[in-house]
Structures are given as structure tokens and as C-alpha cells.
Protein backbone atom coordinates (compact mmCIF):
# COMPACT_ATOMS: atom_id res chain seq x y z
CA MET A 1 5.97 4.14 -5.47
CA LEU A 2 7.18 2.18 -2.44
CA THR A 3 5.22 -0.85 -3.67
CA SER A 4 6.38 -0.75 -7.30
CA PRO A 5 9.47 -2.43 -8.80
CA GLY A 6 12.66 -0.42 -9.06
CA ILE A 7 14.34 1.93 -6.65
CA PRO A 8 11.80 4.15 -4.86
CA MET A 9 12.80 7.74 -4.36
CA ILE A 10 11.27 10.09 -1.84
CA PHE A 11 11.69 13.71 -2.79
CA GLN A 12 13.32 15.88 -0.16
CA GLY A 13 10.84 16.51 2.65
CA GLN A 14 7.97 14.62 1.01
CA GLU A 15 7.63 12.35 4.05
CA MET A 16 6.92 15.42 6.21
CA LEU A 17 4.72 17.24 3.69
CA GLU A 18 7.41 19.90 3.31
CA THR A 19 6.05 23.10 1.77
CA ARG A 20 9.31 24.96 1.24
CA ALA A 21 10.53 25.42 -2.29
CA PHE A 22 13.37 23.12 -3.22
CA GLY A 23 16.42 24.93 -4.55
CA PHE A 24 18.30 22.96 -7.18
CA ASN A 25 21.23 25.37 -7.12
CA THR A 26 21.10 26.39 -3.47
CA ALA A 27 20.86 24.42 -0.24
CA THR A 28 17.38 23.98 1.20
CA ASN A 29 17.25 23.62 4.96
CA MET A 30 14.74 20.99 5.97
CA ASP A 31 12.63 21.50 9.05
CA PHE A 32 13.08 18.12 10.75
CA SER A 33 11.02 19.27 13.73
CA ARG A 34 7.96 18.62 11.54
CA ALA A 35 8.49 14.89 12.14
CA GLU A 36 7.47 15.41 15.79
CA ASP A 37 4.73 17.97 15.07
CA ALA A 38 1.26 16.52 15.80
CA ASN A 39 0.07 17.73 12.38
CA PHE A 40 2.66 15.64 10.52
CA LYS A 41 3.48 12.79 12.91
CA GLY A 42 0.95 10.42 11.31
CA ILE A 43 2.23 11.01 7.77
CA VAL A 44 5.81 10.43 8.93
CA GLN A 45 4.65 7.17 10.58
CA MET A 46 2.96 6.17 7.33
CA TYR A 47 6.25 6.53 5.46
CA ARG A 48 8.08 4.60 8.20
CA ASP A 49 5.55 1.77 7.93
CA LEU A 50 5.78 1.68 4.13
CA ILE A 51 9.58 1.70 4.20
CA ALA A 52 9.59 -1.17 6.72
CA LEU A 53 7.32 -3.18 4.40
CA ARG A 54 9.47 -2.34 1.38
CA ARG A 55 12.59 -3.52 3.24
CA ASN A 56 10.78 -6.69 4.37
CA LEU A 57 11.83 -6.06 7.98
CA LYS A 58 9.26 -8.52 9.38
CA GLY A 59 9.75 -11.19 6.72
CA LYS A 60 6.21 -10.91 5.32
CA THR A 61 6.72 -8.71 2.25
CA GLY A 62 9.65 -10.23 0.36
CA GLY A 63 7.84 -9.62 -2.91
CA LEU A 64 8.28 -5.88 -2.52
CA THR A 65 12.03 -6.41 -2.88
CA GLY A 66 11.63 -8.43 -6.10
CA GLN A 67 11.13 -7.27 -9.65
CA ASN A 68 8.04 -9.34 -10.53
CA LEU A 69 4.77 -7.52 -11.10
CA ASN A 70 1.36 -8.66 -12.32
CA VAL A 71 -1.32 -5.97 -12.61
CA PHE A 72 -4.33 -8.27 -12.52
CA HIS A 73 -7.23 -5.98 -11.64
CA LEU A 74 -8.04 -2.71 -13.36
CA ASP A 75 -11.55 -1.28 -13.07
CA ASN A 76 -11.84 2.18 -14.58
CA GLY A 77 -15.49 2.47 -13.52
CA ASN A 78 -14.74 1.99 -9.81
CA LYS A 79 -11.26 3.49 -10.15
CA THR A 80 -9.56 0.47 -8.60
CA LEU A 81 -6.26 -1.21 -9.32
CA ALA A 82 -4.70 -4.33 -7.81
CA TYR A 83 -1.37 -5.96 -8.45
CA HIS A 84 0.73 -8.87 -7.24
CA ARG A 85 4.41 -8.43 -6.35
CA TRP A 86 6.78 -11.33 -5.69
CA GLU A 87 10.38 -12.39 -5.86
CA ASN A 88 10.26 -16.20 -5.50
CA GLY A 89 6.58 -16.65 -4.61
CA GLY A 90 4.99 -18.26 -1.57
CA ALA A 91 4.01 -17.24 1.93
CA GLY A 92 6.02 -14.26 3.17
CA ASP A 93 6.90 -13.35 -0.40
CA ASP A 94 3.63 -12.85 -2.31
CA VAL A 95 2.21 -9.36 -1.78
CA VAL A 96 -1.07 -7.97 -3.11
CA VAL A 97 -1.54 -4.21 -3.36
CA VAL A 98 -5.07 -2.82 -3.82
CA ALA A 99 -5.66 0.86 -4.59
CA ASN A 100 -8.93 2.79 -4.58
CA PHE A 101 -8.55 6.05 -6.51
CA SER A 102 -12.15 7.17 -5.95
CA ASN A 103 -13.75 9.20 -3.18
CA VAL A 104 -16.14 6.34 -2.43
CA PRO A 105 -15.37 3.54 0.04
CA LEU A 106 -15.65 0.15 -1.63
CA GLN A 107 -17.22 -2.65 0.39
CA ASN A 108 -16.89 -6.32 -0.58
CA LEU A 109 -14.68 -5.68 -3.58
CA ASN A 110 -14.10 -9.13 -5.09
CA ILE A 111 -10.65 -9.49 -6.62
CA GLY A 112 -8.29 -12.28 -7.59
CA PHE A 113 -5.50 -13.58 -5.38
CA PRO A 114 -2.43 -15.59 -6.35
CA ARG A 115 -2.69 -18.10 -3.49
CA GLN A 116 -5.39 -19.70 -1.39
CA GLY A 117 -5.72 -19.17 2.34
CA PRO A 118 -5.67 -16.24 4.74
CA TRP A 119 -4.34 -12.88 3.58
CA HIS A 120 -3.40 -10.34 6.21
CA VAL A 121 -3.73 -6.55 5.94
CA LEU A 122 -0.27 -5.19 6.71
CA PHE A 123 -0.91 -1.60 5.66
CA ASN A 124 -3.97 0.58 5.12
CA SER A 125 -3.16 4.12 4.01
CA GLY A 126 -6.68 5.20 4.99
CA ALA A 127 -6.25 4.19 8.63
CA ASN A 128 -7.06 7.03 10.98
CA LEU A 129 -3.88 6.35 12.95
CA TYR A 130 -2.11 8.24 10.14
CA ASP A 131 -4.56 11.14 10.32
CA PRO A 132 -7.75 11.51 12.40
CA GLY A 133 -9.59 12.68 9.28
CA PHE A 134 -8.90 9.46 7.38
CA ILE A 135 -11.63 6.85 7.03
CA ASN A 136 -10.47 3.37 8.03
CA GLY A 137 -12.23 1.73 5.08
CA ASP A 138 -12.92 -1.47 7.04
CA SER A 139 -9.96 -3.28 5.51
CA PHE A 140 -9.57 -6.57 7.34
CA ASP A 141 -7.78 -9.86 6.84
CA THR A 142 -9.55 -12.00 4.27
CA PRO A 143 -9.50 -15.63 3.14
CA ALA A 144 -8.83 -16.32 -0.54
CA ASN A 145 -10.92 -19.22 -1.80
CA SER A 146 -10.93 -21.36 -4.91
CA GLY A 147 -12.57 -19.76 -7.91
CA GLY A 148 -10.90 -17.84 -10.66
CA LYS A 149 -11.03 -14.06 -10.76
CA ASP A 150 -8.96 -11.47 -12.64
CA GLY A 151 -6.95 -14.23 -14.31
CA LEU A 152 -5.88 -15.74 -10.98
CA ASN A 153 -7.04 -19.05 -9.48
CA PHE A 154 -8.39 -17.67 -6.20
CA ASN A 155 -10.57 -14.75 -5.09
CA ALA A 156 -11.56 -12.89 -1.94
CA ASN A 157 -13.77 -10.03 -0.86
CA MET A 158 -12.21 -7.01 0.76
CA SER A 159 -13.03 -3.40 1.50
CA VAL A 160 -10.94 -0.35 0.69
CA GLY A 161 -11.54 3.18 1.89
CA PRO A 162 -11.65 6.21 -0.39
CA TYR A 163 -8.30 7.30 -1.86
CA SER A 164 -6.61 4.43 -0.04
CA VAL A 165 -4.04 1.69 -0.64
CA VAL A 166 -4.13 -1.64 1.19
CA ILE A 167 -1.20 -4.06 1.25
CA LEU A 168 -1.80 -7.74 2.04
CA SER A 169 0.40 -10.81 2.39
CA GLN A 170 0.29 -14.30 3.86
């Protein structure tokens, strides 16, 4: 949701995997100490990283603040989805989001890219820094080369871990 157009909303406590029932008519006290608990610290960091990308704090993900969206890759067999987000287009604005909804790591997944040149992995939800049980998925920076794919003019190979999302930009 933090990579889609519109206003993202995090439900109360979601960023800390809150298990308490939410009371719509009564106050629900959140346990903010969970943010420092070793069991939840990685998930909290994941949300911090995603929010920083969404807010374009480092000037590399301007497209996540825009309203433009092109879902260019949908593979039901491999359970993969990829889309391009941008506001004005260009380096620092174009963002590609790749999602693997299967329990199988995908190596050398060839997908389209909107621009030629190097694309940098800015976020990998499967990175074990967020949880020691996560599989990194070998998601690395990749060069997009000439050659049409998925309706775009360029393509690149990349890897995505199981049940993971990778965010790339130039």
C-alpha cells in the first residue's frame, strides 16, 4: 500500500504487529514498547524504510509521491507483479516495484523497465535485516538494456525472494 497511488493508511499498531483487538467505541492503548522489542524491531524498521521511500526523503523515489501507475508485468503462473510509478519521469522519479507472491524465490526474472541504465535496489522486504528468518532473495542492482519487454522499451534480469517486494529506482 505504501507504493500505490493515493493516501496510504497504516492501521493502528500494524507497524508493530499489534495483536490487541481494536475498539471502535473504546480507546485502545497501544504498546509502544514493542517498537524496541527484538521480536518486532525489524518490522518497525521495515515500515520506517518504506515510509522514507514514500516521502522521497533521499530524492530517489519521487514517483511514489505521484499519481501515475503502469502495471506492466502480471504473471499468474509465477505469481509475480511489477509496476512503474512516476510523477514527472526521469532519474530520481521513476520507480519500479516488483512483487513475488509465491513461496519460491525467483532467479533471473526478466521484466521490462521504463528507462535504460542502472537500476538500484532501494528496498527488499525479504532482507534478513528485517527478520532473521527472511530469505534475502539475492536482489541486486541491475542494468536495464535495450530490448522491449512487457510493453516497455528496456528489460533487465533480477531476482526476488519468496513473498517479497523489491523497489528499484535510478
